[in-house]
Every structure is written in C-alpha cells, then in structure tokens.
Protein backbone atom coordinates (compact mmCIF):
# COMPACT_ATOMS: atom_id res chain seq x y z
CA MET A 1 -48.33 -12.55 162.70
CA GLY A 2 -47.76 -13.14 159.01
CA ALA A 3 -46.46 -9.57 158.43
CA TRP A 4 -43.33 -8.43 156.77
CA GLY A 5 -43.87 -4.68 157.22
CA HIS A 6 -46.02 -2.16 159.00
CA ASN A 7 -47.94 -0.83 156.01
CA SER A 8 -51.56 -1.80 155.33
CA PHE A 9 -50.97 -4.58 152.76
CA GLU A 10 -47.76 -5.95 154.11
CA ASN A 11 -49.36 -8.99 155.79
CA ASP A 12 -51.02 -12.22 154.72
CA ASP A 13 -54.53 -11.42 155.94
CA ALA A 14 -54.72 -8.17 154.03
CA LEU A 15 -53.58 -9.87 150.81
CA ASP A 16 -56.05 -12.67 151.37
CA TRP A 17 -58.69 -9.99 151.67
CA VAL A 18 -57.64 -8.35 148.36
CA ALA A 19 -58.70 -11.67 146.66
CA ASP A 20 -62.19 -11.14 148.25
CA LEU A 21 -62.20 -7.56 147.00
CA GLU A 22 -61.32 -8.61 143.54
CA GLU A 23 -64.33 -11.00 143.34
CA SER A 24 -66.78 -8.22 144.35
CA GLN A 25 -68.02 -5.55 142.04
CA ASP A 26 -69.56 -3.46 144.76
CA MET A 27 -68.67 -2.41 148.29
CA SER A 28 -69.73 -5.67 149.84
CA ALA A 29 -66.19 -6.95 150.60
CA ILE A 30 -65.31 -3.58 152.16
CA LEU A 31 -68.36 -3.49 154.36
CA LYS A 32 -67.87 -7.02 155.47
CA ALA A 33 -64.32 -6.31 156.52
CA LEU A 34 -65.19 -3.06 158.34
CA ASN A 35 -68.34 -4.59 160.03
CA ALA A 36 -66.25 -7.48 161.36
CA VAL A 37 -64.53 -4.94 163.50
CA THR A 38 -67.08 -2.20 164.17
CA ASP A 39 -69.79 -4.72 165.09
CA GLU A 40 -67.56 -6.13 167.78
CA ALA A 41 -66.48 -2.73 169.27
CA GLY A 42 -65.94 -3.24 173.00
CA ASP A 43 -64.94 -6.88 172.47
CA TYR A 44 -61.50 -8.26 171.76
CA ILE A 45 -60.90 -8.13 168.03
CA GLU A 46 -58.63 -10.81 166.47
CA ALA A 47 -55.64 -9.78 164.39
CA PRO A 48 -56.86 -11.20 161.07
CA GLU A 49 -60.04 -9.13 161.18
CA CYS A 50 -58.04 -6.04 162.12
CA SER A 51 -55.71 -6.44 159.16
CA MET A 52 -58.51 -6.89 156.80
CA ALA A 53 -60.42 -3.87 158.10
CA ILE A 54 -57.22 -1.73 157.78
CA ALA A 55 -56.91 -2.87 154.14
CA ALA A 56 -60.56 -1.99 153.60
CA ALA A 57 -60.08 1.43 155.12
CA GLU A 58 -57.16 2.00 152.68
CA VAL A 59 -59.47 1.17 149.82
CA VAL A 60 -62.12 3.51 151.11
CA ALA A 61 -59.54 6.35 151.33
CA ALA A 62 -58.49 5.63 147.78
CA LEU A 63 -62.15 5.67 146.62
CA CYS A 64 -62.43 9.05 148.23
CA GLY A 65 -59.51 10.27 146.15
CA ASN A 66 -56.86 10.02 148.79
CA ALA A 67 -54.97 6.82 148.01
CA ALA A 68 -51.84 5.73 149.67
CA SER A 69 -48.64 6.23 147.70
CA SER A 70 -48.49 2.46 146.98
CA LEU A 71 -51.33 0.06 146.67
CA PRO A 72 -51.32 -3.55 145.33
CA ASP A 73 -51.88 -3.70 141.54
CA GLU A 74 -54.95 -5.76 142.24
CA VAL A 75 -56.42 -2.95 144.30
CA ASN A 76 -55.58 -0.27 141.71
CA GLU A 77 -57.31 -2.40 139.05
CA TRP A 78 -60.37 -2.89 141.31
CA LEU A 79 -60.56 0.87 141.95
CA LYS A 80 -60.90 1.76 138.24
CA GLY A 81 -64.35 3.14 137.38
CA LYS A 82 -65.66 2.78 140.93
CA PRO A 83 -67.71 5.74 142.21
CA LYS A 84 -66.87 7.88 145.30
CA PRO A 85 -68.30 6.09 148.28
CA ASP A 86 -71.08 7.25 150.51
CA PRO A 87 -69.77 9.42 153.37
CA GLN A 88 -71.06 6.82 155.86
CA LEU A 89 -68.56 4.35 154.49
CA ALA A 90 -65.69 6.68 155.29
CA ALA A 91 -67.12 7.18 158.77
CA LYS A 92 -67.32 3.41 159.28
CA ALA A 93 -63.61 3.08 158.11
CA ARG A 94 -62.51 5.78 160.67
CA GLN A 95 -64.54 3.91 163.35
CA ALA A 96 -62.87 0.61 162.46
CA ILE A 97 -59.44 2.22 162.90
CA ASP A 98 -60.43 3.62 166.22
CA VAL A 99 -61.71 0.28 167.44
CA ILE A 100 -58.43 -1.40 166.35
CA LEU A 101 -56.41 1.24 168.14
CA ALA A 102 -58.47 0.97 171.37
CA ASP A 103 -58.21 -2.77 172.07
CA SER A 104 -57.26 -5.52 169.56
CA GLU A 105 -54.98 -8.48 169.14
CA LEU A 106 -53.20 -6.66 166.32
CA LYS A 107 -52.41 -3.60 168.50
CA GLU A 108 -51.00 -5.98 171.18
CA LEU A 109 -48.87 -7.73 168.63
CA TRP A 110 -47.40 -4.54 167.30
CA GLU A 111 -46.78 -3.21 170.80
CA GLU A 112 -44.47 -6.16 171.35
CA ILE A 113 -42.25 -4.83 168.49
CA GLU A 114 -41.18 -1.63 170.15
CA GLU A 115 -39.19 -0.27 167.23
CA ASP A 116 -42.03 -0.72 164.70
CA TYR A 117 -45.02 0.04 166.87
CA PRO A 118 -44.81 3.84 166.32
CA LYS A 119 -44.57 3.27 162.61
CA TRP A 120 -47.68 1.12 162.57
CA ILE A 121 -49.54 3.76 164.57
CA ALA A 122 -48.35 6.35 162.10
CA VAL A 123 -49.85 4.27 159.25
CA LEU A 124 -53.21 4.01 160.91
CA GLU A 125 -53.24 7.77 161.73
CA ASP A 126 -52.31 8.46 158.09
CA ILE A 127 -55.29 6.42 156.84
CA LYS A 128 -57.63 8.32 159.17
CA SER A 129 -56.28 11.63 157.89
CA ARG A 130 -57.10 10.55 154.30
CA LEU A 131 -60.67 9.64 155.14
CA PRO A 132 -63.09 12.67 154.80
C-alpha cells in the first residue's frame, strides 16, 4: 500500500486520481471514481479503486461546502467556481464509503495496522458526516 498516512490524500492512488480530476472540468472524474466502487458493491473492491473513491468523496464534501481542513492545492484550485453538486452525487459518495467499509482490500490492509486502523475509520466517518 503506497500510503504515508491515514488521511484521504495521503496515498499514491488518491494523488494519481487528483491528476485525472485536474483534467476534467465537470464531475466526470468524480463519478468514474465513485462508480468504480458502487457498481461493484457486493464484490471485492481493490485498494486503488477504494483510495480514489475516498478522494472523490472528499471532493464532493468540499463541493457541498464542507471541505476537509487540508486538501491538496490542486484540488482547491479545481474547486474554484464549481457549482454545488446534485444531491444524488453526495448520496453516491456516502454509498461508496459504505461499500469500502463493508468489504474491500483497503479495509483489510488498514486492519493489519492495528494502531492506525481506528484513525482511518474516523477519517471515513468524518467524510460521511460532511456529506449532506
């Protein structure tokens, strides 16, 4: 797992996804990341898809006016002038978090790091609390 912390953008996959976000002017990169998880609900979701969906959920929360205290500069720049998203996008972001927490490779990887697992769970619960 290419992660150096438990926060949403503290891993290689999330930062790779930010590059995709920067290239899009609409919600397509967000939808693609969230759909990669929600469309596979009930199946085993790989860690990279989970990390990208978590980053996308963070961006949705920010679009809703509930940004995390620290986002990458590239994300803050992308957010400028973007409209508040459709409520269905926030619902999809919450659903993606639930799928990741239910059964995913990323959850299993974090469970192996006993001291950081509760911190990672807290990050995901915080994202959900910031999604309307």
